[in-house]
Amino acid sequence: MIGSPVGSLVPGGVSCGVVVPFLKSTLVTNWVGGATMVLISGPTTWALGKVFIQHFETGGTLLDLNPDEVREYFKAQFQQGRKMATTMNAQEKSEVPG
């Protein structure tokens, strides 16, 4: 239960709270911070969702989730989510009028 909020808040906080101010100070536009957040928060949320789906479909409950047992599955799902986020980000950039 804690992983879901933390998984979506921490990457967002890092990208908005650390990356964006740094980039602003180096005169880079704000969209870079948004792209960073998409490339971190999206895959994290995707992977957490997939972990919980798998856990619940195999009869698990909130009380018996063992993070050590799902670590490798989470990593694999995170990579899949990262590929999807990268593709979506590239599509969005190509749709922006020049």
N, C-alpha and C. Protein backbone atom coordinates (compact mmCIF):
# COMPACT_ATOMS: atom_id res chain seq x y z
N MET A 1 0.83 -1.20 0.00
CA MET A 1 0.00 0.00 0.00
C MET A 1 0.86 1.25 0.00
N ILE A 2 2.00 1.18 0.65
CA ILE A 2 2.87 2.35 0.71
C ILE A 2 3.60 2.54 -0.61
N GLY A 3 3.91 1.45 -1.29
CA GLY A 3 4.68 1.52 -2.53
C GLY A 3 3.99 2.32 -3.61
N SER A 4 2.67 2.24 -3.69
CA SER A 4 1.96 2.93 -4.75
C SER A 4 2.09 4.45 -4.65
N PRO A 5 1.76 5.06 -3.51
CA PRO A 5 1.93 6.51 -3.43
C PRO A 5 3.39 6.94 -3.52
N VAL A 6 4.25 6.18 -2.85
CA VAL A 6 5.67 6.54 -2.88
C VAL A 6 6.20 6.42 -4.30
N GLY A 7 5.77 5.37 -4.99
CA GLY A 7 6.24 5.15 -6.35
C GLY A 7 5.86 6.26 -7.30
N SER A 8 4.74 6.91 -7.06
CA SER A 8 4.36 8.01 -7.95
C SER A 8 4.80 9.37 -7.44
N LEU A 9 4.97 9.52 -6.13
CA LEU A 9 5.36 10.82 -5.59
C LEU A 9 6.86 11.07 -5.61
N VAL A 10 7.65 10.06 -5.29
CA VAL A 10 9.09 10.26 -5.22
C VAL A 10 9.68 10.63 -6.58
N PRO A 11 9.41 9.87 -7.65
CA PRO A 11 9.97 10.28 -8.94
C PRO A 11 9.49 11.66 -9.37
N GLY A 12 8.22 11.96 -9.13
CA GLY A 12 7.70 13.27 -9.48
C GLY A 12 8.37 14.37 -8.67
N GLY A 13 8.55 14.09 -7.39
CA GLY A 13 9.22 15.07 -6.53
C GLY A 13 10.66 15.28 -6.93
N VAL A 14 11.32 14.21 -7.31
CA VAL A 14 12.71 14.33 -7.72
C VAL A 14 12.81 15.12 -9.02
N SER A 15 11.96 14.77 -10.00
CA SER A 15 12.08 15.46 -11.27
C SER A 15 11.63 16.91 -11.17
N CYS A 16 10.58 17.18 -10.41
CA CYS A 16 10.10 18.57 -10.30
C CYS A 16 10.88 19.36 -9.25
N GLY A 17 11.25 18.70 -8.17
CA GLY A 17 11.90 19.40 -7.08
C GLY A 17 13.39 19.57 -7.25
N VAL A 18 14.02 18.73 -8.05
CA VAL A 18 15.47 18.80 -8.21
C VAL A 18 15.84 19.13 -9.66
N VAL A 19 15.30 18.37 -10.58
CA VAL A 19 15.69 18.53 -11.98
C VAL A 19 15.21 19.86 -12.55
N VAL A 20 13.93 20.18 -12.36
CA VAL A 20 13.39 21.40 -12.96
C VAL A 20 14.09 22.66 -12.46
N PRO A 21 14.27 22.85 -11.14
CA PRO A 21 15.00 24.05 -10.71
C PRO A 21 16.43 24.11 -11.27
N PHE A 22 17.08 22.96 -11.34
CA PHE A 22 18.43 22.93 -11.90
C PHE A 22 18.40 23.35 -13.37
N LEU A 23 17.45 22.79 -14.11
CA LEU A 23 17.37 23.12 -15.53
C LEU A 23 16.99 24.58 -15.75
N LYS A 24 16.12 25.11 -14.91
CA LYS A 24 15.77 26.53 -15.03
C LYS A 24 17.00 27.40 -14.81
N SER A 25 17.84 26.99 -13.89
CA SER A 25 19.02 27.79 -13.62
C SER A 25 20.04 27.71 -14.75
N THR A 26 19.91 26.70 -15.60
CA THR A 26 20.81 26.59 -16.74
C THR A 26 20.13 27.01 -18.03
N LEU A 27 18.98 27.67 -17.92
CA LEU A 27 18.24 28.24 -19.05
C LEU A 27 17.72 27.21 -20.05
N VAL A 28 17.33 26.04 -19.56
CA VAL A 28 16.70 25.04 -20.40
C VAL A 28 15.21 25.12 -20.14
N THR A 29 14.39 24.89 -21.15
CA THR A 29 12.94 25.07 -21.02
C THR A 29 12.31 24.08 -20.05
N ASN A 30 11.12 24.43 -19.59
CA ASN A 30 10.41 23.63 -18.58
C ASN A 30 9.97 22.27 -19.08
N TRP A 31 9.81 22.08 -20.36
CA TRP A 31 9.31 20.79 -20.85
C TRP A 31 10.26 19.65 -20.54
N VAL A 32 11.53 19.94 -20.32
CA VAL A 32 12.48 18.88 -20.00
C VAL A 32 12.12 18.25 -18.66
N GLY A 33 11.74 19.06 -17.69
CA GLY A 33 11.33 18.54 -16.39
C GLY A 33 10.09 17.67 -16.50
N GLY A 34 9.15 18.09 -17.34
CA GLY A 34 7.95 17.28 -17.57
C GLY A 34 8.29 15.97 -18.23
N ALA A 35 9.18 16.00 -19.19
CA ALA A 35 9.59 14.77 -19.88
C ALA A 35 10.29 13.83 -18.90
N THR A 36 11.11 14.39 -18.03
CA THR A 36 11.80 13.57 -17.03
C THR A 36 10.79 12.90 -16.12
N MET A 37 9.78 13.65 -15.70
CA MET A 37 8.77 13.09 -14.82
C MET A 37 8.02 11.95 -15.52
N VAL A 38 7.68 12.13 -16.79
CA VAL A 38 6.99 11.08 -17.54
C VAL A 38 7.86 9.83 -17.64
N LEU A 39 9.13 10.02 -17.88
CA LEU A 39 10.02 8.88 -18.08
C LEU A 39 10.38 8.16 -16.79
N ILE A 40 10.05 8.74 -15.64
CA ILE A 40 10.30 8.08 -14.36
C ILE A 40 8.99 7.68 -13.67
N SER A 41 8.06 8.61 -13.54
CA SER A 41 6.81 8.32 -12.82
C SER A 41 5.94 7.32 -13.57
N GLY A 42 5.83 7.49 -14.87
CA GLY A 42 4.99 6.58 -15.65
C GLY A 42 5.43 5.13 -15.53
N PRO A 43 6.70 4.82 -15.80
CA PRO A 43 7.14 3.43 -15.68
C PRO A 43 7.03 2.87 -14.26
N THR A 44 7.26 3.71 -13.27
CA THR A 44 7.16 3.26 -11.88
C THR A 44 5.72 2.87 -11.56
N THR A 45 4.79 3.71 -11.95
CA THR A 45 3.37 3.44 -11.70
C THR A 45 2.93 2.19 -12.47
N TRP A 46 3.38 2.08 -13.73
CA TRP A 46 3.07 0.90 -14.56
C TRP A 46 3.56 -0.37 -13.86
N ALA A 47 4.81 -0.37 -13.43
CA ALA A 47 5.40 -1.56 -12.83
C ALA A 47 4.70 -1.92 -11.52
N LEU A 48 4.41 -0.93 -10.68
CA LEU A 48 3.71 -1.21 -9.42
C LEU A 48 2.34 -1.81 -9.69
N GLY A 49 1.64 -1.27 -10.68
CA GLY A 49 0.33 -1.80 -11.04
C GLY A 49 0.42 -3.25 -11.49
N LYS A 50 1.41 -3.55 -12.33
CA LYS A 50 1.60 -4.91 -12.83
C LYS A 50 1.94 -5.87 -11.69
N VAL A 51 2.76 -5.42 -10.75
CA VAL A 51 3.11 -6.26 -9.59
C VAL A 51 1.87 -6.60 -8.78
N PHE A 52 1.04 -5.59 -8.50
CA PHE A 52 -0.15 -5.84 -7.71
C PHE A 52 -1.16 -6.70 -8.46
N ILE A 53 -1.30 -6.49 -9.76
CA ILE A 53 -2.21 -7.33 -10.55
C ILE A 53 -1.77 -8.79 -10.46
N GLN A 54 -0.49 -9.03 -10.70
CA GLN A 54 0.02 -10.40 -10.63
C GLN A 54 -0.19 -10.99 -9.23
N HIS A 55 0.10 -10.21 -8.22
CA HIS A 55 -0.02 -10.68 -6.84
C HIS A 55 -1.47 -11.05 -6.51
N PHE A 56 -2.40 -10.17 -6.85
CA PHE A 56 -3.80 -10.43 -6.54
C PHE A 56 -4.37 -11.58 -7.38
N GLU A 57 -3.95 -11.68 -8.64
CA GLU A 57 -4.45 -12.76 -9.49
C GLU A 57 -3.98 -14.14 -9.03
N THR A 58 -2.87 -14.18 -8.30
CA THR A 58 -2.37 -15.46 -7.79
C THR A 58 -2.84 -15.72 -6.36
N GLY A 59 -3.83 -14.96 -5.90
CA GLY A 59 -4.42 -15.19 -4.59
C GLY A 59 -3.81 -14.41 -3.45
N GLY A 60 -2.91 -13.50 -3.75
CA GLY A 60 -2.28 -12.70 -2.71
C GLY A 60 -3.22 -11.64 -2.14
N THR A 61 -2.84 -11.12 -0.99
CA THR A 61 -3.59 -10.04 -0.36
C THR A 61 -2.61 -8.90 -0.06
N LEU A 62 -3.15 -7.78 0.41
CA LEU A 62 -2.29 -6.66 0.79
C LEU A 62 -1.35 -7.03 1.94
N LEU A 63 -1.75 -7.98 2.74
CA LEU A 63 -0.99 -8.33 3.93
C LEU A 63 0.17 -9.30 3.65
N ASP A 64 0.15 -9.99 2.52
CA ASP A 64 1.20 -10.98 2.30
C ASP A 64 2.11 -10.70 1.10
N LEU A 65 2.13 -9.47 0.64
CA LEU A 65 3.03 -9.11 -0.46
C LEU A 65 4.46 -9.06 0.07
N ASN A 66 5.35 -9.82 -0.58
CA ASN A 66 6.76 -9.86 -0.19
C ASN A 66 7.57 -9.14 -1.26
N PRO A 67 8.06 -7.92 -1.00
CA PRO A 67 8.79 -7.15 -2.00
C PRO A 67 10.00 -7.88 -2.58
N ASP A 68 10.66 -8.69 -1.78
CA ASP A 68 11.82 -9.42 -2.28
C ASP A 68 11.45 -10.42 -3.37
N GLU A 69 10.27 -10.99 -3.27
CA GLU A 69 9.82 -11.98 -4.25
C GLU A 69 9.41 -11.35 -5.58
N VAL A 70 9.02 -10.09 -5.58
CA VAL A 70 8.52 -9.45 -6.81
C VAL A 70 9.53 -8.47 -7.40
N ARG A 71 10.70 -8.37 -6.81
CA ARG A 71 11.69 -7.38 -7.24
C ARG A 71 12.07 -7.52 -8.72
N GLU A 72 12.39 -8.73 -9.15
CA GLU A 72 12.80 -8.95 -10.55
C GLU A 72 11.65 -8.67 -11.51
N TYR A 73 10.44 -9.09 -11.12
CA TYR A 73 9.26 -8.81 -11.95
C TYR A 73 9.04 -7.31 -12.06
N PHE A 74 9.20 -6.60 -10.93
CA PHE A 74 9.06 -5.14 -10.95
C PHE A 74 10.07 -4.51 -11.91
N LYS A 75 11.32 -4.95 -11.85
CA LYS A 75 12.35 -4.40 -12.73
C LYS A 75 12.01 -4.62 -14.20
N ALA A 76 11.54 -5.81 -14.52
CA ALA A 76 11.17 -6.12 -15.91
C ALA A 76 10.00 -5.25 -16.36
N GLN A 77 9.01 -5.08 -15.50
CA GLN A 77 7.85 -4.26 -15.85
C GLN A 77 8.23 -2.78 -15.93
N PHE A 78 9.16 -2.36 -15.08
CA PHE A 78 9.63 -0.97 -15.14
C PHE A 78 10.28 -0.70 -16.51
N GLN A 79 11.09 -1.63 -16.98
CA GLN A 79 11.74 -1.47 -18.29
C GLN A 79 10.70 -1.41 -19.40
N GLN A 80 9.68 -2.25 -19.31
CA GLN A 80 8.61 -2.22 -20.32
C GLN A 80 7.88 -0.88 -20.26
N GLY A 81 7.58 -0.41 -19.06
CA GLY A 81 6.91 0.88 -18.91
C GLY A 81 7.78 2.03 -19.41
N ARG A 82 9.08 1.91 -19.21
CA ARG A 82 10.00 2.95 -19.70
C ARG A 82 9.99 3.02 -21.23
N LYS A 83 9.97 1.87 -21.87
CA LYS A 83 9.90 1.84 -23.33
C LYS A 83 8.61 2.50 -23.82
N MET A 84 7.51 2.19 -23.15
CA MET A 84 6.22 2.79 -23.54
C MET A 84 6.24 4.30 -23.32
N ALA A 85 6.78 4.76 -22.19
CA ALA A 85 6.82 6.19 -21.89
C ALA A 85 7.71 6.92 -22.89
N THR A 86 8.82 6.31 -23.27
CA THR A 86 9.72 6.92 -24.24
C THR A 86 9.02 7.05 -25.59
N THR A 87 8.31 6.01 -25.99
CA THR A 87 7.58 6.04 -27.26
C THR A 87 6.50 7.11 -27.23
N MET A 88 5.75 7.17 -26.13
CA MET A 88 4.69 8.17 -26.00
C MET A 88 5.27 9.58 -26.00
N ASN A 89 6.39 9.78 -25.33
CA ASN A 89 7.03 11.08 -25.28
C ASN A 89 7.49 11.51 -26.67
N ALA A 90 8.05 10.58 -27.43
CA ALA A 90 8.51 10.89 -28.78
C ALA A 90 7.32 11.22 -29.68
N GLN A 91 6.22 10.49 -29.53
CA GLN A 91 5.03 10.77 -30.33
C GLN A 91 4.47 12.15 -30.01
N GLU A 92 4.46 12.49 -28.73
CA GLU A 92 3.96 13.80 -28.31
C GLU A 92 4.80 14.93 -28.90
N LYS A 93 6.11 14.76 -28.88
CA LYS A 93 7.00 15.77 -29.43
C LYS A 93 6.78 15.93 -30.93
N SER A 94 6.52 14.84 -31.64
CA SER A 94 6.34 14.91 -33.08
C SER A 94 5.00 15.56 -33.45
N GLU A 95 4.04 15.57 -32.51
CA GLU A 95 2.74 16.16 -32.77
C GLU A 95 2.69 17.64 -32.45
N VAL A 96 3.70 18.16 -31.78
CA VAL A 96 3.72 19.58 -31.43
C VAL A 96 4.02 20.39 -32.70
N PRO A 97 3.14 21.37 -32.99
CA PRO A 97 3.38 22.18 -34.19
C PRO A 97 4.67 22.98 -34.07
N GLY A 98 5.44 23.01 -35.15
CA GLY A 98 6.75 23.66 -35.15
C GLY A 98 6.65 25.10 -35.36
